[in-house]
């Protein structure tokens, strides 16, 4: 990669000098053998070396996964429908939460019945993305999409952040909510 940058810089300087010389001269200039050689080497480097995006490798098992929630669980949600809940997440971890990539941080939820309702799926796989990377100490607002159970009744709803493929954050935003038909 460094060799490529050196060749590219050298080629650019020679090109600028050539153009300057051509504009000042009335005779056309033919490229020198050196310029031809550099041009060929640059093309060869371009074909063989493709810059790879730099991805930091973080051993997340050595990092602290911590979070603070700001928001609340509504006391009523519509049965069987997608409900939107606004939550602010503050990164209290020891690393920047990635919003994309191999192990992004997302927000999931879990339902627990409080009466004789059937047990809803604990983790239905639905996740809400965070909008961008979040550095330690920074916050992000997330509108969590939560599908309520079909059965009417009281439930405990937990909203919890997860770093995909790594761990759940273990702290939750929790509240009791009544689920009923809205139509």
C-alpha atoms as a PDB file:
ATOM      1  CA  UNK A   1       0.000   0.000   0.000  1.00  0.00           C
ATOM      2  CA  UNK A   2       2.836   2.388   0.860  1.00  0.00           C
ATOM      3  CA  UNK A   3       4.622   1.576  -2.396  1.00  0.00           C
ATOM      4  CA  UNK A   4       1.401   2.358  -4.259  1.00  0.00           C
ATOM      5  CA  UNK A   5       1.131   5.789  -2.610  1.00  0.00           C
ATOM      6  CA  UNK A   6       4.772   6.603  -3.418  1.00  0.00           C
ATOM      7  CA  UNK A   7       4.303   5.651  -7.071  1.00  0.00           C
ATOM      8  CA  UNK A   8       1.067   7.593  -7.288  1.00  0.00           C
ATOM      9  CA  UNK A   9       2.659  10.691  -5.743  1.00  0.00           C
ATOM     10  CA  UNK A  10       5.705  10.475  -7.988  1.00  0.00           C
ATOM     11  CA  UNK A  11       3.517   9.965 -11.035  1.00  0.00           C
ATOM     12  CA  UNK A  12       1.382  12.985 -10.076  1.00  0.00           C
ATOM     13  CA  UNK A  13       4.439  15.229  -9.648  1.00  0.00           C
ATOM     14  CA  UNK A  14       5.860  14.157 -13.004  1.00  0.00           C
ATOM     15  CA  UNK A  15       2.489  14.689 -14.662  1.00  0.00           C
ATOM     16  CA  UNK A  16       2.134  18.208 -13.235  1.00  0.00           C
ATOM     17  CA  UNK A  17       5.681  19.121 -14.264  1.00  0.00           C
ATOM     18  CA  UNK A  18       5.061  17.699 -17.736  1.00  0.00           C
ATOM     19  CA  UNK A  19       1.856  19.685 -18.127  1.00  0.00           C
ATOM     20  CA  UNK A  20       3.603  22.825 -16.928  1.00  0.00           C
ATOM     21  CA  UNK A  21       6.461  22.255 -19.372  1.00  0.00           C
ATOM     22  CA  UNK A  22       4.021  21.556 -22.217  1.00  0.00           C
ATOM     23  CA  UNK A  23       2.050  24.713 -21.513  1.00  0.00           C
ATOM     24  CA  UNK A  24       5.270  26.766 -21.507  1.00  0.00           C
ATOM     25  CA  UNK A  25       6.750  25.085 -24.574  1.00  0.00           C
ATOM     26  CA  UNK A  26       5.619  25.283 -28.181  1.00  0.00           C
ATOM     27  CA  UNK A  27       6.934  21.787 -28.963  1.00  0.00           C
ATOM     28  CA  UNK A  28       5.021  18.703 -27.834  1.00  0.00           C
ATOM     29  CA  UNK A  29       6.926  16.521 -25.378  1.00  0.00           C
ATOM     30  CA  UNK A  30       7.062  12.752 -25.595  1.00  0.00           C
ATOM     31  CA  UNK A  31       6.978  10.863 -22.308  1.00  0.00           C
ATOM     32  CA  UNK A  32      10.383   9.772 -21.127  1.00  0.00           C
ATOM     33  CA  UNK A  33      11.217   6.128 -20.533  1.00  0.00           C
ATOM     34  CA  UNK A  34      11.121   6.786 -16.791  1.00  0.00           C
ATOM     35  CA  UNK A  35       7.562   8.146 -16.991  1.00  0.00           C
ATOM     36  CA  UNK A  36       6.483   5.138 -19.090  1.00  0.00           C
ATOM     37  CA  UNK A  37       8.029   2.751 -16.544  1.00  0.00           C
ATOM     38  CA  UNK A  38       6.343   4.471 -13.567  1.00  0.00           C
ATOM     39  CA  UNK A  39       3.014   4.465 -15.390  1.00  0.00           C
ATOM     40  CA  UNK A  40       3.280   0.731 -16.088  1.00  0.00           C
ATOM     41  CA  UNK A  41       4.306  -0.029 -12.494  1.00  0.00           C
ATOM     42  CA  UNK A  42       1.412   2.054 -11.158  1.00  0.00           C
ATOM     43  CA  UNK A  43      -1.051   0.145 -13.343  1.00  0.00           C
ATOM     44  CA  UNK A  44       0.436  -3.159 -12.161  1.00  0.00           C
ATOM     45  CA  UNK A  45       0.115  -2.106  -8.505  1.00  0.00           C
ATOM     46  CA  UNK A  46      -3.484  -0.961  -9.052  1.00  0.00           C
ATOM     47  CA  UNK A  47      -4.364  -4.383 -10.474  1.00  0.00           C
ATOM     48  CA  UNK A  48      -2.721  -6.401  -7.695  1.00  0.00           C
ATOM     49  CA  UNK A  49      -3.266  -4.265  -4.570  1.00  0.00           C
ATOM     50  CA  UNK A  50      -6.813  -3.381  -3.663  1.00  0.00           C
ATOM     51  CA  UNK A  51      -7.025  -1.385  -0.450  1.00  0.00           C
ATOM     52  CA  UNK A  52      -8.975  -3.219   2.218  1.00  0.00           C
ATOM     53  CA  UNK A  53     -11.131  -1.272   4.657  1.00  0.00           C
ATOM     54  CA  UNK A  54      -9.579  -1.154   8.079  1.00  0.00           C
ATOM     55  CA  UNK A  55     -11.666  -2.943  10.675  1.00  0.00           C
ATOM     56  CA  UNK A  56     -10.486  -2.791  14.233  1.00  0.00           C
ATOM     57  CA  UNK A  57     -10.485  -6.178  15.902  1.00  0.00           C
ATOM     58  CA  UNK A  58     -11.864  -5.872  19.384  1.00  0.00           C
ATOM     59  CA  UNK A  59     -11.964  -8.735  21.845  1.00  0.00           C
ATOM     60  CA  UNK A  60     -15.407  -7.931  23.241  1.00  0.00           C
ATOM     61  CA  UNK A  61     -15.023 -10.570  25.963  1.00  0.00           C
ATOM     62  CA  UNK A  62     -12.484  -8.240  27.598  1.00  0.00           C
ATOM     63  CA  UNK A  63     -14.740  -5.179  27.385  1.00  0.00           C
ATOM     64  CA  UNK A  64     -17.322  -3.967  29.892  1.00  0.00           C
ATOM     65  CA  UNK A  65     -20.872  -4.057  28.498  1.00  0.00           C
ATOM     66  CA  UNK A  66     -22.800  -1.445  30.460  1.00  0.00           C
ATOM     67  CA  UNK A  67     -25.791   0.725  29.659  1.00  0.00           C
ATOM     68  CA  UNK A  68     -28.192   3.253  31.170  1.00  0.00           C
ATOM     69  CA  UNK A  69     -31.791   3.563  29.954  1.00  0.00           C
ATOM     70  CA  UNK A  70     -33.976   6.629  29.979  1.00  0.00           C
ATOM     71  CA  UNK A  71     -37.638   6.182  29.163  1.00  0.00           C
ATOM     72  CA  UNK A  72     -40.576   4.132  30.350  1.00  0.00           C
ATOM     73  CA  UNK A  73     -42.787   1.204  29.397  1.00  0.00           C
ATOM     74  CA  UNK A  74     -46.305   2.429  28.446  1.00  0.00           C
ATOM     75  CA  UNK A  75     -49.117   1.128  30.654  1.00  0.00           C
ATOM     76  CA  UNK A  76     -51.191   0.155  27.580  1.00  0.00           C
ATOM     77  CA  UNK A  77     -50.216  -1.427  24.264  1.00  0.00           C
ATOM     78  CA  UNK A  78     -52.274  -2.710  21.319  1.00  0.00           C
ATOM     79  CA  UNK A  79     -52.593  -6.516  21.185  1.00  0.00           C
ATOM     80  CA  UNK A  80     -50.982  -8.215  18.190  1.00  0.00           C
ATOM     81  CA  UNK A  81     -49.745  -4.918  16.754  1.00  0.00           C
ATOM     82  CA  UNK A  82     -46.394  -3.188  16.368  1.00  0.00           C
ATOM     83  CA  UNK A  83     -46.101  -0.540  19.085  1.00  0.00           C
ATOM     84  CA  UNK A  84     -43.396   2.145  19.138  1.00  0.00           C
ATOM     85  CA  UNK A  85     -41.579   2.999  22.388  1.00  0.00           C
ATOM     86  CA  UNK A  86     -39.039   5.837  22.624  1.00  0.00           C
ATOM     87  CA  UNK A  87     -35.947   4.996  24.698  1.00  0.00           C
ATOM     88  CA  UNK A  88     -32.643   6.807  25.241  1.00  0.00           C
ATOM     89  CA  UNK A  89     -29.600   4.572  25.625  1.00  0.00           C
ATOM     90  CA  UNK A  90     -26.420   5.868  27.274  1.00  0.00           C
ATOM     91  CA  UNK A  91     -23.199   3.990  26.550  1.00  0.00           C
ATOM     92  CA  UNK A  92     -21.557   3.226  29.903  1.00  0.00           C
ATOM     93  CA  UNK A  93     -19.388   0.527  28.315  1.00  0.00           C
ATOM     94  CA  UNK A  94     -15.628   0.549  27.872  1.00  0.00           C
ATOM     95  CA  UNK A  95     -15.873   0.581  24.049  1.00  0.00           C
ATOM     96  CA  UNK A  96     -17.725   2.327  21.231  1.00  0.00           C
ATOM     97  CA  UNK A  97     -20.930   0.516  20.346  1.00  0.00           C
ATOM     98  CA  UNK A  98     -20.891  -0.340  16.646  1.00  0.00           C
ATOM     99  CA  UNK A  99     -24.089   0.476  14.750  1.00  0.00           C
ATOM    100  CA  UNK A 100     -23.130  -1.775  11.831  1.00  0.00           C
ATOM    101  CA  UNK A 101     -20.697  -4.542  11.003  1.00  0.00           C
ATOM    102  CA  UNK A 102     -20.172  -7.990  12.432  1.00  0.00           C
ATOM    103  CA  UNK A 103     -21.354  -7.332  16.022  1.00  0.00           C
ATOM    104  CA  UNK A 104     -23.666  -4.295  16.054  1.00  0.00           C
ATOM    105  CA  UNK A 105     -25.545  -3.143  19.141  1.00  0.00           C
ATOM    106  CA  UNK A 106     -29.318  -3.384  18.765  1.00  0.00           C
ATOM    107  CA  UNK A 107     -32.339  -3.225  21.043  1.00  0.00           C
ATOM    108  CA  UNK A 108     -34.556  -6.242  21.675  1.00  0.00           C
ATOM    109  CA  UNK A 109     -37.413  -7.008  24.031  1.00  0.00           C
ATOM    110  CA  UNK A 110     -38.930  -9.850  26.060  1.00  0.00           C
ATOM    111  CA  UNK A 111     -42.506 -10.502  27.257  1.00  0.00           C
ATOM    112  CA  UNK A 112     -43.465 -12.224  30.519  1.00  0.00           C
ATOM    113  CA  UNK A 113     -47.098 -13.024  31.461  1.00  0.00           C
ATOM    114  CA  UNK A 114     -48.355 -11.958  34.899  1.00  0.00           C
ATOM    115  CA  UNK A 115     -51.651 -13.847  35.012  1.00  0.00           C
ATOM    116  CA  UNK A 116     -53.067 -16.837  33.119  1.00  0.00           C
ATOM    117  CA  UNK A 117     -52.041 -15.645  29.657  1.00  0.00           C
ATOM    118  CA  UNK A 118     -50.185 -18.061  27.426  1.00  0.00           C
ATOM    119  CA  UNK A 119     -46.420 -17.679  27.554  1.00  0.00           C
ATOM    120  CA  UNK A 120     -45.464 -15.343  24.690  1.00  0.00           C
ATOM    121  CA  UNK A 121     -42.225 -15.841  22.813  1.00  0.00           C
ATOM    122  CA  UNK A 122     -39.500 -14.607  25.150  1.00  0.00           C
ATOM    123  CA  UNK A 123     -37.247 -13.348  22.400  1.00  0.00           C
ATOM    124  CA  UNK A 124     -38.890 -13.282  19.000  1.00  0.00           C
ATOM    125  CA  UNK A 125     -35.729 -12.116  17.219  1.00  0.00           C
ATOM    126  CA  UNK A 126     -37.048  -8.665  16.465  1.00  0.00           C
ATOM    127  CA  UNK A 127     -34.368  -6.019  16.932  1.00  0.00           C
ATOM    128  CA  UNK A 128     -34.250  -2.268  16.512  1.00  0.00           C
ATOM    129  CA  UNK A 129     -31.046  -0.842  15.077  1.00  0.00           C
ATOM    130  CA  UNK A 130     -29.167   2.022  16.661  1.00  0.00           C
ATOM    131  CA  UNK A 131     -28.624   4.767  14.097  1.00  0.00           C
ATOM    132  CA  UNK A 132     -24.833   5.102  14.375  1.00  0.00           C
ATOM    133  CA  UNK A 133     -21.757   4.199  16.424  1.00  0.00           C
ATOM    134  CA  UNK A 134     -22.048   5.404  20.039  1.00  0.00           C
ATOM    135  CA  UNK A 135     -18.872   6.265  21.983  1.00  0.00           C
ATOM    136  CA  UNK A 136     -18.583   5.744  25.759  1.00  0.00           C
ATOM    137  CA  UNK A 137     -20.495   8.495  27.581  1.00  0.00           C
ATOM    138  CA  UNK A 138     -22.648   9.333  24.541  1.00  0.00           C
ATOM    139  CA  UNK A 139     -26.391   8.665  24.215  1.00  0.00           C
ATOM    140  CA  UNK A 140     -28.652   7.685  21.362  1.00  0.00           C
ATOM    141  CA  UNK A 141     -32.443   7.853  21.037  1.00  0.00           C
ATOM    142  CA  UNK A 142     -34.049   4.683  19.699  1.00  0.00           C
ATOM    143  CA  UNK A 143     -37.676   4.125  18.713  1.00  0.00           C
ATOM    144  CA  UNK A 144     -38.123   0.470  19.633  1.00  0.00           C
ATOM    145  CA  UNK A 145     -40.678  -1.463  17.588  1.00  0.00           C
ATOM    146  CA  UNK A 146     -42.421  -3.930  19.926  1.00  0.00           C
ATOM    147  CA  UNK A 147     -45.032  -6.437  18.767  1.00  0.00           C
ATOM    148  CA  UNK A 148     -47.474  -7.054  21.613  1.00  0.00           C
ATOM    149  CA  UNK A 149     -48.892 -10.521  22.359  1.00  0.00           C
ATOM    150  CA  UNK A 150     -52.289 -11.436  20.850  1.00  0.00           C
ATOM    151  CA  UNK A 151     -53.789 -12.496  24.205  1.00  0.00           C
ATOM    152  CA  UNK A 152     -55.371  -9.709  26.271  1.00  0.00           C
ATOM    153  CA  UNK A 153     -54.061  -9.151  29.792  1.00  0.00           C
ATOM    154  CA  UNK A 154     -51.252  -7.816  31.979  1.00  0.00           C
ATOM    155  CA  UNK A 155     -47.650  -8.485  31.002  1.00  0.00           C
ATOM    156  CA  UNK A 156     -44.161  -7.476  32.028  1.00  0.00           C
ATOM    157  CA  UNK A 157     -42.236  -6.010  29.093  1.00  0.00           C
ATOM    158  CA  UNK A 158     -38.449  -5.815  29.221  1.00  0.00           C
ATOM    159  CA  UNK A 159     -36.465  -3.764  26.725  1.00  0.00           C
ATOM    160  CA  UNK A 160     -32.827  -4.816  26.603  1.00  0.00           C
ATOM    161  CA  UNK A 161     -29.824  -3.943  24.430  1.00  0.00           C
ATOM    162  CA  UNK A 162     -27.816  -6.721  22.821  1.00  0.00           C
ATOM    163  CA  UNK A 163     -24.502  -6.803  21.037  1.00  0.00           C
ATOM    164  CA  UNK A 164     -25.268  -9.333  18.312  1.00  0.00           C
ATOM    165  CA  UNK A 165     -23.221 -12.500  18.574  1.00  0.00           C
ATOM    166  CA  UNK A 166     -21.576 -11.313  21.812  1.00  0.00           C
ATOM    167  CA  UNK A 167     -23.945 -10.738  24.767  1.00  0.00           C
ATOM    168  CA  UNK A 168     -27.116  -9.183  26.131  1.00  0.00           C
ATOM    169  CA  UNK A 169     -26.310  -6.132  28.284  1.00  0.00           C
ATOM    170  CA  UNK A 170     -28.052  -7.604  31.377  1.00  0.00           C
ATOM    171  CA  UNK A 171     -29.622  -4.301  32.440  1.00  0.00           C
ATOM    172  CA  UNK A 172     -33.196  -3.813  31.275  1.00  0.00           C
ATOM    173  CA  UNK A 173     -35.910  -1.190  31.067  1.00  0.00           C
ATOM    174  CA  UNK A 174     -38.883  -2.999  32.572  1.00  0.00           C
ATOM    175  CA  UNK A 175     -42.521  -2.228  33.238  1.00  0.00           C
ATOM    176  CA  UNK A 176     -46.004  -3.644  33.577  1.00  0.00           C
ATOM    177  CA  UNK A 177     -48.352  -3.013  30.667  1.00  0.00           C
ATOM    178  CA  UNK A 178     -51.897  -3.977  29.795  1.00  0.00           C
ATOM    179  CA  UNK A 179     -52.363  -5.447  26.328  1.00  0.00           C
ATOM    180  CA  UNK A 180     -55.805  -5.149  24.706  1.00  0.00           C
ATOM    181  CA  UNK A 181     -57.432  -4.816  21.285  1.00  0.00           C
ATOM    182  CA  UNK A 182     -57.241  -1.297  19.912  1.00  0.00           C
ATOM    183  CA  UNK A 183     -59.958  -1.537  17.214  1.00  0.00           C
END
